[in-house]
Amino acid sequence: MILALSASVAGAVALFILSPLLGWGAAPAFDAASPGSDRKRELLEQRQETLAALRDLQMEFEVGKLTREDYEQTRERLTLHAVEIYREMDKDGAA
């Protein structure tokens, strides 16, 4: 019983590790030859970085590393930046 379970887990891990080599998994987000794909990729990266910065900012405020004033000013700046990114993505059709 334990041997069968161990073999199953080992097999699943092996398939997970080999899946990129076998061509399994998520399809590429963009066709490398498509025009504007670099811009789309850049916007997606900016979006992820900005959202991560907002999460980090919230956590730093909650643990007391930031004053309310600093938190609100930085949050407003990051939020406006995120809105700009979303507008650009909408305009470019990257969303």
N, C-alpha and C. Protein backbone atom coordinates (compact mmCIF):
# COMPACT_ATOMS: atom_id res chain seq x y z
N MET A 1 0.83 -1.20 0.00
CA MET A 1 0.00 0.00 0.00
C MET A 1 0.86 1.25 0.00
N ILE A 2 1.83 1.32 0.94
CA ILE A 2 2.71 2.47 1.03
C ILE A 2 3.60 2.54 -0.21
N LEU A 3 4.03 1.39 -0.69
CA LEU A 3 4.87 1.34 -1.88
C LEU A 3 4.12 1.88 -3.10
N ALA A 4 2.85 1.51 -3.23
CA ALA A 4 2.04 1.98 -4.36
C ALA A 4 1.82 3.48 -4.27
N LEU A 5 1.57 3.97 -3.07
CA LEU A 5 1.38 5.41 -2.88
C LEU A 5 2.67 6.16 -3.19
N SER A 6 3.78 5.65 -2.74
CA SER A 6 5.08 6.28 -3.02
C SER A 6 5.36 6.31 -4.52
N ALA A 7 5.04 5.21 -5.19
CA ALA A 7 5.26 5.15 -6.64
C ALA A 7 4.36 6.14 -7.37
N SER A 8 3.13 6.29 -6.90
CA SER A 8 2.21 7.25 -7.52
C SER A 8 2.71 8.68 -7.35
N VAL A 9 3.16 8.99 -6.16
CA VAL A 9 3.68 10.34 -5.90
C VAL A 9 4.93 10.59 -6.74
N ALA A 10 5.82 9.63 -6.78
CA ALA A 10 7.04 9.77 -7.57
C ALA A 10 6.71 9.96 -9.05
N GLY A 11 5.73 9.22 -9.55
CA GLY A 11 5.31 9.36 -10.95
C GLY A 11 4.73 10.72 -11.23
N ALA A 12 3.90 11.21 -10.31
CA ALA A 12 3.29 12.53 -10.50
C ALA A 12 4.36 13.62 -10.50
N VAL A 13 5.33 13.51 -9.60
CA VAL A 13 6.41 14.49 -9.55
C VAL A 13 7.22 14.44 -10.84
N ALA A 14 7.52 13.25 -11.32
CA ALA A 14 8.28 13.11 -12.56
C ALA A 14 7.53 13.73 -13.74
N LEU A 15 6.23 13.49 -13.84
CA LEU A 15 5.44 14.09 -14.92
C LEU A 15 5.41 15.60 -14.81
N PHE A 16 5.30 16.11 -13.58
CA PHE A 16 5.29 17.56 -13.38
C PHE A 16 6.61 18.17 -13.85
N ILE A 17 7.71 17.53 -13.49
CA ILE A 17 9.02 18.05 -13.85
C ILE A 17 9.26 17.94 -15.36
N LEU A 18 8.79 16.89 -15.96
CA LEU A 18 9.01 16.67 -17.40
C LEU A 18 7.98 17.37 -18.29
N SER A 19 6.91 17.89 -17.73
CA SER A 19 5.83 18.45 -18.55
C SER A 19 6.31 19.53 -19.51
N PRO A 20 7.21 20.45 -19.15
CA PRO A 20 7.66 21.42 -20.15
C PRO A 20 8.40 20.76 -21.32
N LEU A 21 9.15 19.72 -21.03
CA LEU A 21 9.88 19.03 -22.09
C LEU A 21 8.95 18.26 -23.01
N LEU A 22 7.83 17.82 -22.47
CA LEU A 22 6.86 17.06 -23.26
C LEU A 22 5.87 17.96 -23.99
N GLY A 23 5.97 19.28 -23.74
CA GLY A 23 5.07 20.22 -24.41
C GLY A 23 3.73 20.36 -23.74
N TRP A 24 3.62 19.90 -22.50
CA TRP A 24 2.37 20.03 -21.76
C TRP A 24 2.37 21.35 -21.02
N GLY A 25 1.21 21.78 -20.58
CA GLY A 25 1.12 22.97 -19.76
C GLY A 25 0.43 24.09 -20.50
N ALA A 26 0.57 25.27 -19.96
CA ALA A 26 -0.11 26.44 -20.50
C ALA A 26 0.47 26.81 -21.86
N ALA A 27 -0.40 27.25 -22.73
CA ALA A 27 0.04 27.73 -24.03
C ALA A 27 0.72 29.09 -23.86
N PRO A 28 1.61 29.44 -24.75
CA PRO A 28 2.25 30.74 -24.65
C PRO A 28 1.21 31.85 -24.69
N ALA A 29 1.44 32.88 -23.90
CA ALA A 29 0.48 33.97 -23.80
C ALA A 29 0.42 34.77 -25.10
N PHE A 30 1.53 34.86 -25.81
CA PHE A 30 1.58 35.68 -27.01
C PHE A 30 2.31 34.95 -28.11
N ASP A 31 1.91 35.20 -29.31
CA ASP A 31 2.64 34.72 -30.46
C ASP A 31 3.82 35.65 -30.67
N ALA A 32 5.02 35.09 -30.72
CA ALA A 32 6.22 35.92 -30.81
C ALA A 32 6.23 36.78 -32.06
N ALA A 33 5.56 36.34 -33.11
CA ALA A 33 5.56 37.09 -34.35
C ALA A 33 4.47 38.15 -34.40
N SER A 34 3.57 38.16 -33.44
CA SER A 34 2.46 39.11 -33.51
C SER A 34 2.96 40.52 -33.19
N PRO A 35 2.49 41.49 -33.96
CA PRO A 35 2.91 42.87 -33.71
C PRO A 35 2.40 43.36 -32.36
N GLY A 36 3.23 44.06 -31.65
CA GLY A 36 2.83 44.61 -30.36
C GLY A 36 2.95 43.65 -29.21
N SER A 37 3.44 42.43 -29.45
CA SER A 37 3.51 41.48 -28.35
C SER A 37 4.49 41.93 -27.27
N ASP A 38 5.56 42.62 -27.67
CA ASP A 38 6.49 43.14 -26.67
C ASP A 38 5.81 44.18 -25.79
N ARG A 39 5.00 45.02 -26.40
CA ARG A 39 4.28 46.05 -25.63
C ARG A 39 3.28 45.39 -24.69
N LYS A 40 2.59 44.37 -25.16
CA LYS A 40 1.63 43.65 -24.31
C LYS A 40 2.34 43.02 -23.13
N ARG A 41 3.46 42.39 -23.40
CA ARG A 41 4.23 41.74 -22.34
C ARG A 41 4.71 42.78 -21.32
N GLU A 42 5.17 43.91 -21.82
CA GLU A 42 5.63 44.98 -20.95
C GLU A 42 4.50 45.50 -20.05
N LEU A 43 3.32 45.69 -20.63
CA LEU A 43 2.17 46.17 -19.86
C LEU A 43 1.76 45.15 -18.80
N LEU A 44 1.77 43.87 -19.16
CA LEU A 44 1.41 42.83 -18.19
C LEU A 44 2.41 42.79 -17.04
N GLU A 45 3.69 42.94 -17.36
CA GLU A 45 4.71 42.97 -16.30
C GLU A 45 4.54 44.19 -15.40
N GLN A 46 4.27 45.34 -16.01
CA GLN A 46 4.05 46.55 -15.21
C GLN A 46 2.84 46.39 -14.30
N ARG A 47 1.79 45.77 -14.84
CA ARG A 47 0.59 45.55 -14.04
C ARG A 47 0.90 44.67 -12.83
N GLN A 48 1.60 43.56 -13.07
CA GLN A 48 1.95 42.65 -11.98
C GLN A 48 2.82 43.35 -10.94
N GLU A 49 3.80 44.13 -11.39
CA GLU A 49 4.68 44.84 -10.46
C GLU A 49 3.91 45.86 -9.62
N THR A 50 3.00 46.57 -10.26
CA THR A 50 2.23 47.58 -9.55
C THR A 50 1.28 46.95 -8.54
N LEU A 51 0.62 45.87 -8.93
CA LEU A 51 -0.28 45.19 -7.99
C LEU A 51 0.50 44.59 -6.82
N ALA A 52 1.69 44.06 -7.09
CA ALA A 52 2.54 43.53 -6.01
C ALA A 52 2.98 44.66 -5.09
N ALA A 53 3.30 45.81 -5.66
CA ALA A 53 3.71 46.95 -4.84
C ALA A 53 2.56 47.41 -3.94
N LEU A 54 1.34 47.38 -4.46
CA LEU A 54 0.17 47.75 -3.64
C LEU A 54 -0.03 46.76 -2.50
N ARG A 55 0.15 45.47 -2.77
CA ARG A 55 0.02 44.47 -1.70
C ARG A 55 1.11 44.66 -0.65
N ASP A 56 2.34 44.89 -1.10
CA ASP A 56 3.44 45.11 -0.16
C ASP A 56 3.20 46.36 0.68
N LEU A 57 2.71 47.40 0.03
CA LEU A 57 2.43 48.65 0.73
C LEU A 57 1.40 48.42 1.83
N GLN A 58 0.34 47.69 1.52
CA GLN A 58 -0.71 47.39 2.50
C GLN A 58 -0.12 46.63 3.68
N MET A 59 0.72 45.65 3.40
CA MET A 59 1.31 44.85 4.47
C MET A 59 2.23 45.72 5.35
N GLU A 60 3.04 46.56 4.72
CA GLU A 60 3.93 47.42 5.49
C GLU A 60 3.15 48.39 6.37
N PHE A 61 2.02 48.87 5.87
CA PHE A 61 1.19 49.76 6.69
C PHE A 61 0.59 49.00 7.87
N GLU A 62 0.11 47.78 7.59
CA GLU A 62 -0.52 46.99 8.65
C GLU A 62 0.44 46.62 9.77
N VAL A 63 1.72 46.42 9.45
CA VAL A 63 2.69 46.07 10.49
C VAL A 63 3.31 47.30 11.13
N GLY A 64 2.92 48.49 10.67
CA GLY A 64 3.36 49.72 11.32
C GLY A 64 4.64 50.32 10.77
N LYS A 65 5.07 49.91 9.60
CA LYS A 65 6.29 50.47 9.02
C LYS A 65 6.06 51.82 8.36
N LEU A 66 4.80 52.16 8.08
CA LEU A 66 4.47 53.41 7.40
C LEU A 66 3.45 54.21 8.20
N THR A 67 3.57 55.52 8.11
CA THR A 67 2.54 56.38 8.69
C THR A 67 1.33 56.35 7.76
N ARG A 68 0.19 56.74 8.28
CA ARG A 68 -1.02 56.77 7.46
C ARG A 68 -0.83 57.71 6.28
N GLU A 69 -0.20 58.85 6.51
CA GLU A 69 0.00 59.84 5.45
C GLU A 69 0.87 59.27 4.32
N ASP A 70 1.99 58.63 4.70
CA ASP A 70 2.86 58.03 3.69
C ASP A 70 2.14 56.92 2.93
N TYR A 71 1.39 56.11 3.67
CA TYR A 71 0.64 55.02 3.06
C TYR A 71 -0.37 55.56 2.05
N GLU A 72 -1.14 56.57 2.43
CA GLU A 72 -2.18 57.10 1.55
C GLU A 72 -1.58 57.77 0.31
N GLN A 73 -0.48 58.50 0.49
CA GLN A 73 0.15 59.15 -0.67
C GLN A 73 0.71 58.12 -1.65
N THR A 74 1.39 57.13 -1.13
CA THR A 74 1.98 56.11 -1.99
C THR A 74 0.89 55.26 -2.64
N ARG A 75 -0.14 54.94 -1.88
CA ARG A 75 -1.25 54.15 -2.42
C ARG A 75 -1.94 54.90 -3.56
N GLU A 76 -2.14 56.20 -3.37
CA GLU A 76 -2.78 56.99 -4.43
C GLU A 76 -1.91 57.01 -5.69
N ARG A 77 -0.61 57.18 -5.52
CA ARG A 77 0.31 57.21 -6.67
C ARG A 77 0.30 55.86 -7.40
N LEU A 78 0.38 54.77 -6.64
CA LEU A 78 0.38 53.44 -7.25
C LEU A 78 -0.96 53.12 -7.92
N THR A 79 -2.05 53.55 -7.31
CA THR A 79 -3.37 53.31 -7.88
C THR A 79 -3.53 54.06 -9.20
N LEU A 80 -3.08 55.30 -9.25
CA LEU A 80 -3.15 56.07 -10.50
C LEU A 80 -2.28 55.42 -11.58
N HIS A 81 -1.13 54.92 -11.18
CA HIS A 81 -0.27 54.23 -12.13
C HIS A 81 -0.96 52.97 -12.66
N ALA A 82 -1.61 52.23 -11.79
CA ALA A 82 -2.33 51.02 -12.21
C ALA A 82 -3.46 51.36 -13.18
N VAL A 83 -4.16 52.45 -12.91
CA VAL A 83 -5.24 52.88 -13.81
C VAL A 83 -4.68 53.22 -15.18
N GLU A 84 -3.53 53.90 -15.21
CA GLU A 84 -2.90 54.22 -16.49
C GLU A 84 -2.53 52.95 -17.26
N ILE A 85 -2.00 51.98 -16.55
CA ILE A 85 -1.63 50.71 -17.19
C ILE A 85 -2.87 50.02 -17.76
N TYR A 86 -3.95 49.97 -16.98
CA TYR A 86 -5.17 49.32 -17.47
C TYR A 86 -5.75 50.05 -18.68
N ARG A 87 -5.68 51.38 -18.66
CA ARG A 87 -6.17 52.14 -19.82
C ARG A 87 -5.34 51.82 -21.06
N GLU A 88 -4.02 51.77 -20.88
CA GLU A 88 -3.13 51.45 -21.99
C GLU A 88 -3.39 50.04 -22.50
N MET A 89 -3.60 49.09 -21.58
CA MET A 89 -3.89 47.72 -21.98
C MET A 89 -5.21 47.65 -22.74
N ASP A 90 -6.19 48.40 -22.28
CA ASP A 90 -7.49 48.41 -22.94
C ASP A 90 -7.36 49.00 -24.35
N LYS A 91 -6.57 50.07 -24.45
CA LYS A 91 -6.37 50.70 -25.75
C LYS A 91 -5.64 49.77 -26.72
N ASP A 92 -4.64 49.05 -26.20
CA ASP A 92 -3.85 48.15 -27.04
C ASP A 92 -4.50 46.77 -27.19
N GLY A 93 -5.52 46.49 -26.41
CA GLY A 93 -6.17 45.18 -26.47
C GLY A 93 -5.36 44.09 -25.81
N ALA A 94 -4.57 44.44 -24.78
CA ALA A 94 -3.71 43.47 -24.12
C ALA A 94 -4.38 42.77 -22.97
N ALA A 95 -5.53 43.22 -22.56
CA ALA A 95 -6.18 42.62 -21.38
C ALA A 95 -6.76 41.28 -21.69
